[in-house]
Protein backbone atom coordinates (compact mmCIF):
# COMPACT_ATOMS: atom_id res chain seq x y z
CA MET A 1 92.04 131.56 99.65
CA VAL A 2 92.54 130.56 95.56
CA GLU A 3 90.24 130.02 93.29
CA VAL A 4 91.76 127.02 91.77
CA ARG A 5 89.85 126.14 88.06
CA PRO A 6 88.87 122.69 87.66
CA ASP A 7 90.10 121.41 84.55
CA ARG A 8 93.18 121.02 85.77
CA PRO A 9 95.77 122.96 88.12
CA ASP A 10 97.54 125.79 88.74
CA VAL A 11 101.63 125.06 88.44
CA ILE A 12 103.99 127.03 90.31
CA THR A 13 108.09 126.19 89.94
CA LEU A 14 110.76 126.75 91.71
CA SER A 15 114.19 126.21 90.76
CA ILE A 16 116.87 126.26 93.63
CA PRO A 17 120.99 125.83 93.36
CA SER A 18 121.80 123.37 96.05
CA ARG A 19 122.46 125.59 99.30
CA LEU A 20 120.75 124.82 102.53
CA GLU A 21 120.75 127.89 103.00
CA LEU A 22 117.91 128.33 100.90
CA LEU A 23 116.11 126.27 102.52
CA SER A 24 114.34 128.76 104.15
CA LEU A 25 112.89 130.35 100.77
CA LEU A 26 111.85 126.96 100.24
CA ASP A 27 109.70 126.76 103.30
CA GLN A 28 108.59 130.40 103.02
CA LEU A 29 106.77 129.39 99.62
CA THR A 30 105.85 126.37 100.77
CA ASP A 31 103.94 127.66 103.60
CA SER A 32 102.63 130.96 102.07
CA ILE A 33 100.97 128.42 98.99
CA SER A 34 99.44 126.29 101.85
CA GLY A 35 98.51 128.91 103.80
CA ARG A 36 96.70 130.97 100.89
CA LEU A 37 95.15 126.98 99.80
CA ASP A 38 93.08 126.74 103.05
CA PHE A 39 95.05 124.52 105.19
CA SER A 40 94.88 124.76 108.68
CA ASP A 41 98.13 125.43 110.87
CA GLU A 42 99.03 122.16 111.84
CA GLU A 43 98.30 121.15 108.22
CA ARG A 44 100.74 123.40 106.62
CA SER A 45 103.43 122.99 109.15
CA ALA A 46 103.76 119.53 108.07
CA ILE A 47 103.43 120.17 104.85
CA SER A 48 106.09 122.73 104.60
CA LEU A 49 108.41 120.45 107.13
CA SER A 50 107.70 117.33 104.26
CA VAL A 51 109.23 119.94 101.38
CA VAL A 52 111.97 120.82 103.77
CA GLU A 53 113.33 117.98 104.33
CA ALA A 54 112.51 116.30 100.90
CA GLY A 55 114.69 119.38 99.62
CA THR A 56 117.77 119.10 102.36
CA ASN A 57 117.73 115.33 101.09
CA ALA A 58 118.10 116.45 97.24
CA ILE A 59 120.74 118.98 98.43
CA GLN A 60 122.82 117.04 100.84
CA HIS A 61 122.36 114.01 98.95
CA GLY A 62 122.20 114.29 95.91
CA HIS A 63 124.56 117.15 95.26
CA LYS A 64 126.24 116.84 97.91
CA ALA A 65 125.20 120.59 98.34
CA ASP A 66 128.14 121.77 95.63
CA GLY A 67 125.87 125.05 95.64
CA ILE A 68 125.31 124.98 91.63
CA THR A 69 123.55 122.05 90.70
CA PRO A 70 119.15 123.00 90.69
CA VAL A 71 116.99 121.48 92.82
CA ASP A 72 113.14 121.98 91.12
CA VAL A 73 110.32 122.10 92.98
CA ARG A 74 107.00 122.02 91.44
CA TYR A 75 103.94 123.15 93.06
CA GLU A 76 100.03 121.73 91.82
CA LEU A 77 97.10 123.40 93.03
CA GLU A 78 94.72 121.51 92.52
CA LYS A 79 90.62 122.19 94.47
CA ASP A 80 91.15 118.61 96.23
CA ARG A 81 94.50 118.72 97.06
CA LEU A 82 98.69 119.96 96.71
CA THR A 83 101.21 117.96 95.19
CA VAL A 84 104.91 118.87 95.56
CA THR A 85 107.62 117.77 92.71
CA VAL A 86 111.12 117.51 94.63
CA HIS A 87 113.56 116.76 91.64
CA ASP A 88 117.82 116.13 92.34
CA HIS A 89 119.98 114.86 89.88
CA GLY A 90 121.51 112.37 92.39
CA ARG A 91 122.32 108.63 92.01
CA GLY A 92 118.85 108.19 94.65
CA PHE A 93 119.17 105.90 97.14
CA ALA A 94 118.30 102.31 98.83
CA PRO A 95 114.37 101.36 97.86
CA PRO A 96 112.27 102.92 100.45
CA GLU A 97 111.22 100.15 101.63
CA GLU A 98 114.70 98.71 102.73
CA VAL A 99 115.28 101.91 104.66
CA PRO A 100 115.57 100.67 108.23
CA ASP A 101 112.24 101.65 110.39
CA ILE A 102 113.52 104.40 112.86
CA THR A 103 110.57 103.64 115.24
CA SER A 104 112.30 100.03 115.65
CA PRO A 105 114.29 100.22 119.51
CA GLU A 106 117.68 100.17 117.79
CA HIS A 107 116.88 102.75 115.81
CA LEU A 108 115.31 105.01 118.15
CA LEU A 109 118.68 107.08 118.63
CA ASP A 110 120.04 107.06 115.20
CA ALA A 111 121.41 110.34 114.41
CA ARG A 112 119.99 110.06 110.64
CA GLY A 113 117.15 108.40 108.64
CA ARG A 114 114.08 109.88 109.83
CA GLY A 115 113.31 112.09 106.08
CA ILE A 116 110.89 109.33 104.95
CA PHE A 117 109.87 108.58 107.76
CA ILE A 118 108.40 112.68 108.69
CA MET A 119 106.90 113.21 104.90
CA ARG A 120 104.97 109.82 105.08
CA THR A 121 103.62 111.19 108.47
CA CYS A 122 103.14 114.40 107.12
CA MET A 123 101.40 114.28 104.19
CA ASP A 124 98.60 111.55 102.90
CA GLN A 125 101.00 110.33 99.84
CA VAL A 126 104.58 110.07 99.07
CA GLN A 127 106.12 108.81 95.94
CA PHE A 128 109.69 108.33 95.03
CA ASP A 129 110.83 107.62 91.52
CA PHE A 130 114.80 106.53 90.57
CA SER A 131 114.17 106.88 86.64
CA SER A 132 116.25 110.27 86.79
CA GLY A 133 117.92 111.67 89.03
CA THR A 134 115.52 111.61 92.66
CA THR A 135 112.07 112.77 92.07
CA VAL A 136 109.87 112.81 95.50
CA LYS A 137 106.17 113.64 95.31
CA LEU A 138 104.11 114.78 98.09
CA THR A 139 100.52 115.11 98.23
CA LYS A 140 98.37 116.20 101.07
CA LEU A 141 94.70 116.37 100.01
CA ARG A 142 92.25 119.36 101.27
CA ARG A 143 89.97 118.30 103.98
CA HIS A 144 87.36 120.66 103.08
CA THR A 145 86.54 122.92 100.15
CA ASN A 146 85.00 126.16 100.17
CA GLY A 147 82.91 124.83 103.32
CA ASP A 148 81.97 121.70 101.32
CA SER A 149 81.80 118.56 103.37
CA PRO A 150 85.57 116.85 103.91
CA VAL A 151 87.56 115.00 100.51
CA SER A 152 86.83 111.56 100.32
């Protein structure tokens, strides 16, 4: 397990060109970081799925998979949480509250539109900011830290 300093988070940044084949790198790094923070296998999978989904959206929708424009990813490792921020320079999309509910019968068979649902299901907090491109901030709380009681 990584010993995280209590006074400020450790920060790891990654910038990848907008190419879908680089998502495996994002997946591997996310899994490695979440594993070192002692998240369970299930939590690690949920975190990786969410980060890869955010990265996929940034590449496909934000940058139209142009292969050049960077997608910036920032990992903040704190004692009680992991926060991953994924940023692209695209125009964004409809506000998340306007995205159709994919669990409703009329949208169950839709081929697209599950990303926000996946991220919200897998993470403890998901925030969107469209003020300068699109930024997705994903937070997963650490339920146990060094054998302590669960984080509230």
